[in-house]
C-alpha atoms as a PDB file:
ATOM      1  CA  MET A   1     -31.832  -5.732  43.273  1.00  0.00           C
ATOM      2  CA  ALA A   2     -29.460  -7.986  45.182  1.00  0.00           C
ATOM      3  CA  LEU A   3     -27.707 -11.041  43.859  1.00  0.00           C
ATOM      4  CA  LYS A   4     -27.113 -14.230  45.825  1.00  0.00           C
ATOM      5  CA  PRO A   5     -23.467 -15.172  46.437  1.00  0.00           C
ATOM      6  CA  TRP A   6     -23.634 -18.089  43.990  1.00  0.00           C
ATOM      7  CA  GLU A   7     -25.039 -15.747  41.327  1.00  0.00           C
ATOM      8  CA  ILE A   8     -22.147 -13.348  41.883  1.00  0.00           C
ATOM      9  CA  ALA A   9     -19.554 -16.157  41.889  1.00  0.00           C
ATOM     10  CA  GLU A  10     -20.316 -17.079  38.291  1.00  0.00           C
ATOM     11  CA  LYS A  11     -20.381 -13.509  36.923  1.00  0.00           C
ATOM     12  CA  LEU A  12     -17.510 -12.954  34.516  1.00  0.00           C
ATOM     13  CA  LEU A  13     -15.310  -9.876  34.703  1.00  0.00           C
ATOM     14  CA  PRO A  14     -14.294  -8.695  31.222  1.00  0.00           C
ATOM     15  CA  PHE A  15     -10.611  -8.096  30.501  1.00  0.00           C
ATOM     16  CA  ALA A  16      -8.717  -7.619  27.253  1.00  0.00           C
ATOM     17  CA  SER A  17      -6.967 -10.937  27.865  1.00  0.00           C
ATOM     18  CA  GLY A  18     -10.262 -12.765  28.475  1.00  0.00           C
ATOM     19  CA  ALA A  19     -12.865 -13.100  31.195  1.00  0.00           C
ATOM     20  CA  VAL A  20     -12.467 -14.430  34.726  1.00  0.00           C
ATOM     21  CA  ASP A  21     -15.238 -15.197  37.193  1.00  0.00           C
ATOM     22  CA  VAL A  22     -15.674 -13.034  40.304  1.00  0.00           C
ATOM     23  CA  GLU A  23     -14.905 -15.888  42.691  1.00  0.00           C
ATOM     24  CA  HIS A  24     -11.563 -16.804  41.102  1.00  0.00           C
ATOM     25  CA  ALA A  25     -10.331 -13.367  40.034  1.00  0.00           C
ATOM     26  CA  SER A  26      -7.133 -12.291  41.736  1.00  0.00           C
ATOM     27  CA  ASP A  27      -7.259  -9.299  44.061  1.00  0.00           C
ATOM     28  CA  ALA A  28      -5.488  -7.242  41.389  1.00  0.00           C
ATOM     29  CA  GLU A  29      -7.974  -8.328  38.693  1.00  0.00           C
ATOM     30  CA  PHE A  30     -10.962  -7.541  40.894  1.00  0.00           C
ATOM     31  CA  GLN A  31      -9.498  -4.147  41.853  1.00  0.00           C
ATOM     32  CA  ALA A  32      -8.882  -3.368  38.166  1.00  0.00           C
ATOM     33  CA  TRP A  33     -12.541  -4.191  37.443  1.00  0.00           C
ATOM     34  CA  ILE A  34     -13.630  -1.957  40.370  1.00  0.00           C
ATOM     35  CA  ASP A  35     -11.566   0.909  38.941  1.00  0.00           C
ATOM     36  CA  ALA A  36     -12.788   0.340  35.363  1.00  0.00           C
ATOM     37  CA  SER A  37     -16.395   0.188  36.617  1.00  0.00           C
ATOM     38  CA  GLY A  38     -16.074   3.515  38.407  1.00  0.00           C
ATOM     39  CA  LEU A  39     -16.785   2.038  41.841  1.00  0.00           C
ATOM     40  CA  GLY A  40     -13.744   3.519  43.582  1.00  0.00           C
ATOM     41  CA  ASP A  41     -15.932   6.150  45.242  1.00  0.00           C
ATOM     42  CA  MET A  42     -17.858   3.401  47.047  1.00  0.00           C
ATOM     43  CA  ILE A  43     -14.757   2.191  48.902  1.00  0.00           C
ATOM     44  CA  ASP A  44     -13.329   4.044  51.899  1.00  0.00           C
ATOM     45  CA  ASP A  45     -10.055   5.936  51.576  1.00  0.00           C
ATOM     46  CA  ALA A  46      -7.988   3.088  53.038  1.00  0.00           C
ATOM     47  CA  GLY A  47      -9.129   0.797  50.232  1.00  0.00           C
ATOM     48  CA  ILE A  48      -9.200  -2.973  50.368  1.00  0.00           C
ATOM     49  CA  MET A  49      -5.875  -4.754  50.014  1.00  0.00           C
ATOM     50  CA  ALA A  50      -7.257  -8.308  49.918  1.00  0.00           C
ATOM     51  CA  TRP A  51     -10.720  -8.835  48.436  1.00  0.00           C
ATOM     52  CA  SER A  52     -12.490 -11.679  50.227  1.00  0.00           C
ATOM     53  CA  PHE A  53     -15.428 -13.238  48.408  1.00  0.00           C
ATOM     54  CA  ASP A  54     -17.783 -11.668  50.984  1.00  0.00           C
ATOM     55  CA  ASP A  55     -16.257  -8.242  50.260  1.00  0.00           C
ATOM     56  CA  ARG A  56     -16.787  -8.814  46.539  1.00  0.00           C
ATOM     57  CA  CYS A  57     -20.438  -9.745  47.123  1.00  0.00           C
ATOM     58  CA  ARG A  58     -20.985  -6.696  49.319  1.00  0.00           C
ATOM     59  CA  ILE A  59     -19.524  -4.133  46.905  1.00  0.00           C
ATOM     60  CA  ILE A  60     -21.355  -5.604  43.901  1.00  0.00           C
ATOM     61  CA  ASN A  61     -24.697  -5.649  45.725  1.00  0.00           C
ATOM     62  CA  HIS A  62     -24.081  -2.203  47.231  1.00  0.00           C
ATOM     63  CA  ALA A  63     -23.413  -0.825  43.748  1.00  0.00           C
ATOM     64  CA  LEU A  64     -26.526  -2.486  42.313  1.00  0.00           C
ATOM     65  CA  ARG A  65     -28.697  -1.139  45.149  1.00  0.00           C
ATOM     66  CA  ALA A  66     -27.267   2.324  44.495  1.00  0.00           C
ATOM     67  CA  GLY A  67     -28.408   2.064  40.873  1.00  0.00           C
ATOM     68  CA  ARG A  68     -24.977   1.562  39.340  1.00  0.00           C
ATOM     69  CA  VAL A  69     -24.795  -0.313  36.055  1.00  0.00           C
ATOM     70  CA  LEU A  70     -22.120  -2.988  36.186  1.00  0.00           C
ATOM     71  CA  SER A  71     -20.579  -4.607  33.147  1.00  0.00           C
ATOM     72  CA  PHE A  72     -20.025  -8.336  33.147  1.00  0.00           C
ATOM     73  CA  ALA A  73     -18.872 -10.526  30.272  1.00  0.00           C
ATOM     74  CA  GLU A  74     -21.305 -13.019  28.768  1.00  0.00           C
ATOM     75  CA  ASN A  75     -21.242 -16.456  30.317  1.00  0.00           C
ATOM     76  CA  ASN A  76     -21.584 -18.943  27.466  1.00  0.00           C
ATOM     77  CA  SER A  77     -21.872 -21.909  29.815  1.00  0.00           C
ATOM     78  CA  ASN A  78     -25.391 -23.176  30.314  1.00  0.00           C
ATOM     79  CA  ASN A  79     -24.393 -25.442  33.195  1.00  0.00           C
ATOM     80  CA  SER A  80     -26.168 -23.228  35.727  1.00  0.00           C
ATOM     81  CA  GLU A  81     -29.367 -23.374  33.676  1.00  0.00           C
ATOM     82  CA  ASN A  82     -29.367 -27.153  33.974  1.00  0.00           C
ATOM     83  CA  ASN A  83     -29.181 -27.187  37.779  1.00  0.00           C
ATOM     84  CA  SER A  84     -31.531 -25.595  40.252  1.00  0.00           C
ATOM     85  CA  GLU A  85     -30.177 -23.779  43.295  1.00  0.00           C
ATOM     86  CA  SER A  86     -31.442 -26.526  45.575  1.00  0.00           C
ATOM     87  CA  GLU A  87     -29.595 -29.152  43.519  1.00  0.00           C
ATOM     88  CA  LEU A  88     -26.381 -27.165  43.600  1.00  0.00           C
ATOM     89  CA  PHE A  89     -26.519 -25.923  47.170  1.00  0.00           C
ATOM     90  CA  GLY A  90     -28.814 -28.294  49.035  1.00  0.00           C
ATOM     91  CA  GLY A  91     -31.482 -25.635  49.548  1.00  0.00           C
ATOM     92  CA  GLY A  92     -29.819 -24.252  52.686  1.00  0.00           C
ATOM     93  CA  ALA A  93     -29.269 -20.589  53.439  1.00  0.00           C
ATOM     94  CA  SER A  94     -25.943 -19.107  52.446  1.00  0.00           C
ATOM     95  CA  ALA A  95     -23.583 -17.847  55.113  1.00  0.00           C
ATOM     96  CA  CYS A  96     -24.403 -14.330  53.996  1.00  0.00           C
ATOM     97  CA  GLU A  97     -28.142 -14.928  54.374  1.00  0.00           C
ATOM     98  CA  ALA A  98     -27.619 -16.506  57.782  1.00  0.00           C
ATOM     99  CA  ASP A  99     -26.077 -13.298  59.132  1.00  0.00           C
ATOM    100  CA  ALA A 100     -28.783 -10.725  58.431  1.00  0.00           C
ATOM    101  CA  ARG A 101     -26.724  -7.966  60.049  1.00  0.00           C
ATOM    102  CA  GLU A 102     -24.343  -7.821  57.102  1.00  0.00           C
ATOM    103  CA  VAL A 103     -25.119  -6.405  53.691  1.00  0.00           C
ATOM    104  CA  CYS A 104     -24.395  -9.054  51.099  1.00  0.00           C
END
């Protein structure tokens, strides 16, 4: 199971102080979620100092493909249910989909 980048962007990372979406989480917040989710073994020894959005998409989809169970906070907004992908994104392919060589 792979998620599209816009599906990942709206996923909420749970923290004691509240939830933050994947796209807007700081590098430190995303790394804390990686550590809490037990995904540290999926990252090379050098680690990732700055998590780009593409890197976030890749590690989440890599973990899902490997059968890992990831915990996300509930998104109480139903804004995404009211808009189709084509309305939100013009129906075009994402940058990740356009480059089939990369794992998204």
